Every structure is written in C-alpha cells, then in structure tokens.
Amino acid sequence: MSTSDQEQDQSAPEQDRPADVTAAVIPEPAEEERRLTPRQARRLRIVLSSVGMAVVAVVLALRIASRSSVLVVGVYGLALILCGVVIELSRNGRTRLGSWLLAVGLVAAVGADWLLIP
C-alpha cells in the first residue's frame, strides 16, 4: 500500500460523516473543571457522615467521662442522629441538602457544646 492509499483510507471515514458532525468537535473538560458524578458525591457524603459520626461518638465518650450530664448526651446524641439522617439523605440522592445539614448541624453541636455545657 502506498502513502497515497493510506491517506485515502484514513480520510474515507471523514467523508462519510455529515459536515456538521465533523465541524462540531466536543472539547474534553480540563482537569480542574471535572466534577464528581452523582454516585461519587453520594459516597463522599456517606463517608464524611460516617467519619463525623465516629468523631462525635469519641467526643461524646470523652465528655461523659469528664462530666456526666444529660445536656452532654443530648447535644452529642442529636449530632449522632444528624449524621445518620445525612447518610440516609445521601443514599436517597439528596446530597446537597445532606451536605448543608451536616455542616450546619455539626457547627451547631460544637457551638452548643461551647455555649451551653459548662
């Protein structure tokens, strides 16, 4: 096969396509523009909620050891429940709501610990 035959074979598929398809080139997204897929976002929220739940459980155990109070159990118990709710929201596809709820809830739990518990 000569060089001109190879060029004809390579250009043949391009000639079969309509003109608008060859003109419309879809650019690949840049590395920094890539976003998480919905499944990856759900798994990330579930992992973050699980880690948050484990951290809250450890802090609860330490706080109960130092000061046994119903208020301590209430604040950290609500934070544990919140992490469980966020896991369920993430499993059901409500990742943005779960993210906001997790962030606001954990900040509220830390604030309540700082303000309410002596």
C-alpha atoms as a PDB file:
ATOM      1  CA  MET A   1       0.000   0.000   0.000  1.00  0.00           C
ATOM      2  CA  SER A   2       1.432   3.338  -0.957  1.00  0.00           C
ATOM      3  CA  THR A   3       1.337   6.503   1.098  1.00  0.00           C
ATOM      4  CA  SER A   4      -1.460   7.931  -1.015  1.00  0.00           C
ATOM      5  CA  ASP A   5      -3.570   4.800  -0.457  1.00  0.00           C
ATOM      6  CA  GLN A   6      -3.134   5.135   3.307  1.00  0.00           C
ATOM      7  CA  GLU A   7      -4.194   8.757   3.181  1.00  0.00           C
ATOM      8  CA  GLN A   8      -7.303   7.822   1.212  1.00  0.00           C
ATOM      9  CA  ASP A   9      -8.199   5.072   3.714  1.00  0.00           C
ATOM     10  CA  GLN A  10      -7.845   7.453   6.660  1.00  0.00           C
ATOM     11  CA  SER A  11      -9.823  10.232   5.029  1.00  0.00           C
ATOM     12  CA  ALA A  12     -12.652   7.985   3.854  1.00  0.00           C
ATOM     13  CA  PRO A  13     -14.478   7.807   7.217  1.00  0.00           C
ATOM     14  CA  GLU A  14     -14.411  11.589   7.477  1.00  0.00           C
ATOM     15  CA  GLN A  15     -16.077  11.921   4.086  1.00  0.00           C
ATOM     16  CA  ASP A  16     -18.897   9.559   5.147  1.00  0.00           C
ATOM     17  CA  ARG A  17     -19.869  11.775   8.087  1.00  0.00           C
ATOM     18  CA  PRO A  18     -22.111  14.783   7.641  1.00  0.00           C
ATOM     19  CA  ALA A  19     -20.384  18.161   7.561  1.00  0.00           C
ATOM     20  CA  ASP A  20     -21.935  19.386  10.814  1.00  0.00           C
ATOM     21  CA  VAL A  21     -20.626  16.371  12.768  1.00  0.00           C
ATOM     22  CA  THR A  22     -17.030  16.880  11.642  1.00  0.00           C
ATOM     23  CA  ALA A  23     -17.222  20.601  12.365  1.00  0.00           C
ATOM     24  CA  ALA A  24     -18.637  20.153  15.870  1.00  0.00           C
ATOM     25  CA  VAL A  25     -15.743  18.983  17.987  1.00  0.00           C
ATOM     26  CA  ILE A  26     -16.613  18.350  21.614  1.00  0.00           C
ATOM     27  CA  PRO A  27     -13.773  19.622  23.799  1.00  0.00           C
ATOM     28  CA  GLU A  28     -12.575  17.465  26.673  1.00  0.00           C
ATOM     29  CA  PRO A  29     -13.009  19.053  30.106  1.00  0.00           C
ATOM     30  CA  ALA A  30      -9.853  20.300  31.734  1.00  0.00           C
ATOM     31  CA  GLU A  31      -8.553  18.556  34.834  1.00  0.00           C
ATOM     32  CA  GLU A  32      -9.642  21.308  37.218  1.00  0.00           C
ATOM     33  CA  GLU A  33     -13.137  21.503  35.690  1.00  0.00           C
ATOM     34  CA  ARG A  34     -14.050  17.866  36.317  1.00  0.00           C
ATOM     35  CA  ARG A  35     -16.828  17.350  38.805  1.00  0.00           C
ATOM     36  CA  LEU A  36     -17.902  14.392  40.839  1.00  0.00           C
ATOM     37  CA  THR A  37     -20.524  12.104  39.418  1.00  0.00           C
ATOM     38  CA  PRO A  38     -23.718  11.827  41.473  1.00  0.00           C
ATOM     39  CA  ARG A  39     -22.691   8.383  42.692  1.00  0.00           C
ATOM     40  CA  GLN A  40     -19.267   9.654  43.786  1.00  0.00           C
ATOM     41  CA  ALA A  41     -20.883  12.617  45.539  1.00  0.00           C
ATOM     42  CA  ARG A  42     -23.279  10.322  47.414  1.00  0.00           C
ATOM     43  CA  ARG A  43     -20.446   8.046  48.502  1.00  0.00           C
ATOM     44  CA  LEU A  44     -18.335  11.004  49.593  1.00  0.00           C
ATOM     45  CA  ARG A  45     -21.185  12.363  51.755  1.00  0.00           C
ATOM     46  CA  ILE A  46     -21.781   8.927  53.248  1.00  0.00           C
ATOM     47  CA  VAL A  47     -18.086   8.554  54.117  1.00  0.00           C
ATOM     48  CA  LEU A  48     -17.928  12.073  55.578  1.00  0.00           C
ATOM     49  CA  SER A  49     -21.049  11.444  57.649  1.00  0.00           C
ATOM     50  CA  SER A  50     -19.676   8.138  58.888  1.00  0.00           C
ATOM     51  CA  VAL A  51     -16.380   9.747  59.878  1.00  0.00           C
ATOM     52  CA  GLY A  52     -18.297  12.574  61.562  1.00  0.00           C
ATOM     53  CA  MET A  53     -20.390  10.029  63.438  1.00  0.00           C
ATOM     54  CA  ALA A  54     -17.268   8.239  64.680  1.00  0.00           C
ATOM     55  CA  VAL A  55     -15.656  11.527  65.789  1.00  0.00           C
ATOM     56  CA  VAL A  56     -18.822  12.614  67.595  1.00  0.00           C
ATOM     57  CA  ALA A  57     -19.016   9.231  69.346  1.00  0.00           C
ATOM     58  CA  VAL A  58     -15.412   9.564  70.562  1.00  0.00           C
ATOM     59  CA  VAL A  59     -16.002  13.130  71.766  1.00  0.00           C
ATOM     60  CA  LEU A  60     -19.211  12.007  73.492  1.00  0.00           C
ATOM     61  CA  ALA A  61     -17.336   9.240  75.313  1.00  0.00           C
ATOM     62  CA  LEU A  62     -14.621  11.679  76.408  1.00  0.00           C
ATOM     63  CA  ARG A  63     -17.148  14.298  77.547  1.00  0.00           C
ATOM     64  CA  ILE A  64     -19.180  11.746  79.507  1.00  0.00           C
ATOM     65  CA  ALA A  65     -16.003  10.517  81.194  1.00  0.00           C
ATOM     66  CA  SER A  66     -15.103  14.033  82.294  1.00  0.00           C
ATOM     67  CA  ARG A  67     -18.590  15.371  83.086  1.00  0.00           C
ATOM     68  CA  SER A  68     -21.655  13.179  83.170  1.00  0.00           C
ATOM     69  CA  SER A  69     -24.561  15.362  82.128  1.00  0.00           C
ATOM     70  CA  VAL A  70     -27.861  14.899  80.347  1.00  0.00           C
ATOM     71  CA  LEU A  71     -27.074  18.008  78.308  1.00  0.00           C
ATOM     72  CA  VAL A  72     -23.846  16.410  77.005  1.00  0.00           C
ATOM     73  CA  VAL A  73     -25.716  13.283  75.986  1.00  0.00           C
ATOM     74  CA  GLY A  74     -28.453  15.383  74.394  1.00  0.00           C
ATOM     75  CA  VAL A  75     -26.155  17.581  72.300  1.00  0.00           C
ATOM     76  CA  TYR A  76     -23.940  14.775  71.077  1.00  0.00           C
ATOM     77  CA  GLY A  77     -26.848  12.361  70.733  1.00  0.00           C
ATOM     78  CA  LEU A  78     -28.540  14.822  68.390  1.00  0.00           C
ATOM     79  CA  ALA A  79     -25.289  15.153  66.435  1.00  0.00           C
ATOM     80  CA  LEU A  80     -25.158  11.363  66.055  1.00  0.00           C
ATOM     81  CA  ILE A  81     -28.763  11.301  64.870  1.00  0.00           C
ATOM     82  CA  LEU A  82     -27.970  14.107  62.441  1.00  0.00           C
ATOM     83  CA  CYS A  83     -25.102  12.122  60.916  1.00  0.00           C
ATOM     84  CA  GLY A  84     -27.430   9.157  60.455  1.00  0.00           C
ATOM     85  CA  VAL A  85     -30.026  11.365  58.774  1.00  0.00           C
ATOM     86  CA  VAL A  86     -27.375  12.743  56.419  1.00  0.00           C
ATOM     87  CA  ILE A  87     -26.335   9.210  55.473  1.00  0.00           C
ATOM     88  CA  GLU A  88     -29.940   8.376  54.611  1.00  0.00           C
ATOM     89  CA  LEU A  89     -30.366  11.610  52.655  1.00  0.00           C
ATOM     90  CA  SER A  90     -27.221  10.817  50.684  1.00  0.00           C
ATOM     91  CA  ARG A  91     -28.430   7.307  49.932  1.00  0.00           C
ATOM     92  CA  ASN A  92     -31.663   8.781  48.580  1.00  0.00           C
ATOM     93  CA  GLY A  93     -29.913  11.286  46.329  1.00  0.00           C
ATOM     94  CA  ARG A  94     -30.290  14.444  48.436  1.00  0.00           C
ATOM     95  CA  THR A  95     -26.563  15.155  48.630  1.00  0.00           C
ATOM     96  CA  ARG A  96     -26.711  18.968  48.643  1.00  0.00           C
ATOM     97  CA  LEU A  97     -29.314  19.022  51.390  1.00  0.00           C
ATOM     98  CA  GLY A  98     -27.278  16.450  53.305  1.00  0.00           C
ATOM     99  CA  SER A  99     -24.100  18.495  52.945  1.00  0.00           C
ATOM    100  CA  TRP A 100     -25.727  21.661  54.244  1.00  0.00           C
ATOM    101  CA  LEU A 101     -27.436  19.811  57.054  1.00  0.00           C
ATOM    102  CA  LEU A 102     -24.196  18.104  58.089  1.00  0.00           C
ATOM    103  CA  ALA A 103     -22.198  21.339  58.080  1.00  0.00           C
ATOM    104  CA  VAL A 104     -24.808  23.407  59.917  1.00  0.00           C
ATOM    105  CA  GLY A 105     -25.606  20.614  62.369  1.00  0.00           C
ATOM    106  CA  LEU A 106     -22.023  19.925  63.350  1.00  0.00           C
ATOM    107  CA  VAL A 107     -21.281  23.631  63.749  1.00  0.00           C
ATOM    108  CA  ALA A 108     -24.413  23.918  65.912  1.00  0.00           C
ATOM    109  CA  ALA A 109     -23.317  20.932  68.022  1.00  0.00           C
ATOM    110  CA  VAL A 110     -19.862  22.413  68.591  1.00  0.00           C
ATOM    111  CA  GLY A 111     -21.419  25.808  69.362  1.00  0.00           C
ATOM    112  CA  ALA A 112     -23.876  24.270  71.802  1.00  0.00           C
ATOM    113  CA  ASP A 113     -21.052  22.402  73.487  1.00  0.00           C
ATOM    114  CA  TRP A 114     -19.065  25.592  73.825  1.00  0.00           C
ATOM    115  CA  LEU A 115     -22.007  27.798  74.946  1.00  0.00           C
ATOM    116  CA  LEU A 116     -24.296  25.502  76.926  1.00  0.00           C
ATOM    117  CA  ILE A 117     -22.155  22.891  78.589  1.00  0.00           C
ATOM    118  CA  PRO A 118     -20.026  24.169  81.476  1.00  0.00           C
END
